[in-house]
Amino acid sequence: MSRFTIHDDLSAPEGSLPVIKGALASAGQLPNLVGVLAGSPAALRGYARFAGELRHGILDVPTKERLSLAVAEHFRSTPGVKMHQRLARQNGIGIDEVKLARNFASADEKQDVMLRYVGHLLRKRSQPPAALQEEALEIGWTEEELLEAIAFASVEVFSALVNIAGDVPVDGSTEESRQLRAA
């Protein structure tokens, strides 16, 4: 059961309703993370704007799913790992590759460099070695893609922190936790 209330369009503060209604219109079901963030309209709007802008970026979905898996695993965010395993598989990432991505690695050399680059930032919390950035550029990543990957990882870090702090249940289990709270 979540430590934070998982809001919906009936219980959310008024300031969160436009984002919630937009999410429901596009996805049909409200992710638990969004329901939790609805408890703070400012946090929800900030998350929605940042994540929304990154949807218009240049990184492809498989790259973003690998990054998401790595970040979720790094922070031990069960909802994040479960969701991104499913999305990765839906986007053509094989089981072995999913396992590697969860550890900031890939069998694909270009993806591996990106994951190691972002992994260094999160694991070491320090500037990546110049050689690693040069390797990323030489293998074909652009500075724009590296910056977007850092931004994308930042959104995933935020998601993981909220999931951990709130003990947010895996999507699909909201009704059960709402029933428990109502009883």
Protein backbone atom coordinates (compact mmCIF):
# COMPACT_ATOMS: atom_id res chain seq x y z
CA MET A 1 0.00 0.00 0.00
CA SER A 2 1.36 3.39 -0.98
CA ARG A 3 2.56 5.77 1.71
CA PHE A 4 1.18 8.59 -0.44
CA THR A 5 -2.41 8.86 -1.60
CA ILE A 6 -2.85 7.65 -5.16
CA HIS A 7 -5.21 10.28 -6.52
CA ASP A 8 -7.58 10.06 -9.43
CA ASP A 9 -9.77 12.65 -11.11
CA LEU A 10 -12.19 12.54 -8.17
CA SER A 11 -9.72 13.01 -5.31
CA ALA A 12 -6.88 15.09 -6.77
CA PRO A 13 -6.36 18.74 -5.85
CA GLU A 14 -7.88 21.07 -8.42
CA GLY A 15 -4.45 22.20 -9.65
CA SER A 16 -3.65 18.63 -10.72
CA LEU A 17 -6.85 18.00 -12.66
CA PRO A 18 -5.74 19.32 -16.08
CA VAL A 19 -2.72 16.98 -16.11
CA ILE A 20 -4.74 14.04 -14.79
CA LYS A 21 -7.48 14.54 -17.37
CA GLY A 22 -4.87 14.79 -20.13
CA ALA A 23 -3.19 11.60 -18.95
CA LEU A 24 -6.49 9.76 -18.77
CA ALA A 25 -7.48 10.97 -22.24
CA SER A 26 -4.22 9.79 -23.81
CA ALA A 27 -3.54 6.60 -21.85
CA GLY A 28 -6.96 5.57 -20.59
CA GLN A 29 -5.53 4.54 -17.22
CA LEU A 30 -3.70 6.71 -14.74
CA PRO A 31 -0.25 5.39 -13.79
CA ASN A 32 0.22 5.14 -10.02
CA LEU A 33 3.20 7.51 -10.19
CA VAL A 34 1.02 10.22 -11.76
CA GLY A 35 -1.70 9.53 -9.19
CA VAL A 36 0.80 10.04 -6.39
CA LEU A 37 2.33 13.16 -7.93
CA ALA A 38 -1.17 14.62 -8.24
CA GLY A 39 -0.94 15.24 -4.49
CA SER A 40 1.36 18.14 -5.38
CA PRO A 41 0.11 20.07 -8.41
CA ALA A 42 3.50 21.78 -8.82
CA ALA A 43 5.40 18.46 -8.74
CA LEU A 44 2.96 16.89 -11.18
CA ARG A 45 3.10 19.84 -13.60
CA GLY A 46 6.90 19.92 -13.44
CA TYR A 47 7.14 16.19 -14.09
CA ALA A 48 4.61 16.32 -16.93
CA ARG A 49 6.33 19.24 -18.63
CA PHE A 50 9.82 17.80 -18.36
CA ALA A 51 8.78 14.30 -19.46
CA GLY A 52 6.54 15.74 -22.18
CA GLU A 53 9.33 17.79 -23.72
CA LEU A 54 11.63 14.77 -23.77
CA ARG A 55 9.02 12.82 -25.76
CA HIS A 56 9.81 15.23 -28.60
CA GLY A 57 13.56 14.59 -28.40
CA ILE A 58 15.79 12.67 -30.76
CA LEU A 59 16.60 9.58 -28.68
CA ASP A 60 14.77 6.51 -29.88
CA VAL A 61 12.44 4.54 -27.63
CA PRO A 62 14.73 1.50 -27.21
CA THR A 63 17.55 3.76 -25.97
CA LYS A 64 15.20 5.48 -23.53
CA GLU A 65 13.88 2.14 -22.28
CA ARG A 66 17.41 0.89 -21.66
CA LEU A 67 18.16 4.05 -19.70
CA SER A 68 14.90 3.70 -17.78
CA LEU A 69 15.68 0.10 -16.86
CA ALA A 70 19.16 1.01 -15.67
CA VAL A 71 17.94 3.90 -13.51
CA ALA A 72 15.03 1.92 -12.03
CA GLU A 73 17.34 -0.98 -11.16
CA HIS A 74 19.98 1.36 -9.73
CA PHE A 75 17.42 2.82 -7.32
CA ARG A 76 15.66 -0.52 -6.77
CA SER A 77 12.35 0.91 -7.95
CA THR A 78 10.18 -2.18 -8.41
CA PRO A 79 7.38 -0.33 -10.23
CA GLY A 80 9.93 1.25 -12.58
CA VAL A 81 11.69 -2.04 -13.30
CA LYS A 82 8.41 -3.89 -13.95
CA MET A 83 7.00 -1.18 -16.20
CA HIS A 84 10.18 -0.67 -18.21
CA GLN A 85 10.82 -4.39 -18.62
CA ARG A 86 7.37 -4.64 -20.22
CA LEU A 87 7.89 -1.53 -22.39
CA ALA A 88 11.37 -2.65 -23.43
CA ARG A 89 10.04 -6.03 -24.56
CA GLN A 90 7.18 -4.30 -26.43
CA ASN A 91 9.79 -2.19 -28.22
CA GLY A 92 11.84 -5.13 -29.44
CA ILE A 93 14.47 -5.39 -26.70
CA GLY A 94 15.24 -9.05 -25.99
CA ILE A 95 15.32 -10.64 -22.55
CA ASP A 96 19.13 -10.84 -22.48
CA GLU A 97 19.39 -7.18 -23.45
CA VAL A 98 16.88 -6.20 -20.75
CA LYS A 99 19.06 -7.95 -18.18
CA LEU A 100 22.17 -6.16 -19.41
CA ALA A 101 20.45 -2.76 -19.49
CA ARG A 102 19.46 -3.15 -15.85
CA ASN A 103 23.20 -3.06 -15.13
CA PHE A 104 24.09 -0.11 -17.39
CA ALA A 105 25.34 -2.43 -20.13
CA SER A 106 24.36 -3.64 -23.60
CA ALA A 107 25.55 -6.16 -26.17
CA ASP A 108 25.14 -3.36 -28.72
CA GLU A 109 28.41 -1.41 -28.60
CA LYS A 110 26.83 2.00 -29.20
CA GLN A 111 24.13 1.43 -26.56
CA ASP A 112 26.73 0.11 -24.14
CA VAL A 113 28.75 3.32 -24.37
CA MET A 114 25.67 5.44 -23.66
CA LEU A 115 24.67 3.29 -20.70
CA ARG A 116 28.19 3.37 -19.26
CA TYR A 117 28.27 7.16 -19.69
CA VAL A 118 25.00 7.73 -17.82
CA GLY A 119 25.87 4.94 -15.39
CA HIS A 120 29.07 6.74 -14.43
CA LEU A 121 27.08 9.86 -13.58
CA LEU A 122 24.71 7.93 -11.33
CA ARG A 123 27.05 5.37 -9.79
CA LYS A 124 30.12 7.53 -9.29
CA ARG A 125 28.29 10.85 -8.99
CA SER A 126 31.18 12.47 -10.77
CA GLN A 127 32.19 13.75 -14.16
CA PRO A 128 32.63 10.91 -16.67
CA PRO A 129 36.21 10.49 -17.84
CA ALA A 130 37.00 12.49 -20.97
CA ALA A 131 37.83 9.22 -22.73
CA LEU A 132 34.30 7.92 -22.15
CA GLN A 133 32.74 11.05 -23.62
CA GLU A 134 35.14 10.89 -26.57
CA GLU A 135 34.23 7.23 -27.06
CA ALA A 136 30.53 8.14 -27.09
CA LEU A 137 31.10 10.83 -29.71
CA GLU A 138 33.36 8.60 -31.82
CA ILE A 139 30.84 5.75 -31.85
CA GLY A 140 28.16 8.08 -33.18
CA TRP A 141 26.34 9.72 -30.27
CA THR A 142 26.01 13.47 -30.59
CA GLU A 143 26.32 16.03 -27.82
CA GLU A 144 22.59 16.64 -28.21
CA GLU A 145 21.88 12.95 -27.60
CA LEU A 146 24.20 12.83 -24.57
CA LEU A 147 22.50 15.88 -23.05
CA GLU A 148 19.07 14.44 -23.77
CA ALA A 149 20.09 11.12 -22.18
CA ILE A 150 21.18 12.97 -19.04
CA ALA A 151 17.86 14.85 -18.98
CA PHE A 152 15.90 11.64 -19.56
CA ALA A 153 17.81 9.85 -16.80
CA SER A 154 16.98 12.78 -14.50
CA VAL A 155 13.24 12.28 -15.05
CA GLU A 156 13.69 8.57 -14.36
CA VAL A 157 15.64 9.33 -11.16
CA PHE A 158 12.77 11.55 -10.00
CA SER A 159 10.26 8.78 -10.79
CA ALA A 160 12.34 6.21 -8.93
CA LEU A 161 12.70 8.46 -5.87
CA VAL A 162 8.94 9.04 -5.70
CA ASN A 163 8.29 5.30 -6.13
CA ILE A 164 10.72 4.47 -3.33
CA ALA A 165 9.63 7.22 -0.93
CA GLY A 166 5.98 6.40 -1.40
CA ASP A 167 6.29 2.63 -1.66
CA VAL A 168 4.16 3.12 -4.76
CA PRO A 169 2.58 -0.12 -5.94
CA VAL A 170 3.23 -1.53 -9.38
CA ASP A 171 0.70 -0.25 -11.92
CA GLY A 172 -2.37 -2.43 -12.06
CA SER A 173 -2.55 -2.77 -8.29
CA THR A 174 -4.11 0.64 -7.55
CA GLU A 175 -7.63 -0.60 -7.15
CA GLU A 176 -6.54 -3.10 -4.51
CA SER A 177 -4.69 -0.44 -2.51
CA ARG A 178 -7.62 1.99 -2.84
CA GLN A 179 -10.02 -0.65 -1.55
CA LEU A 180 -7.76 -1.34 1.42
CA ARG A 181 -7.58 2.37 2.23
CA ALA A 182 -11.35 2.76 1.92
CA ALA A 183 -12.11 -0.22 4.19
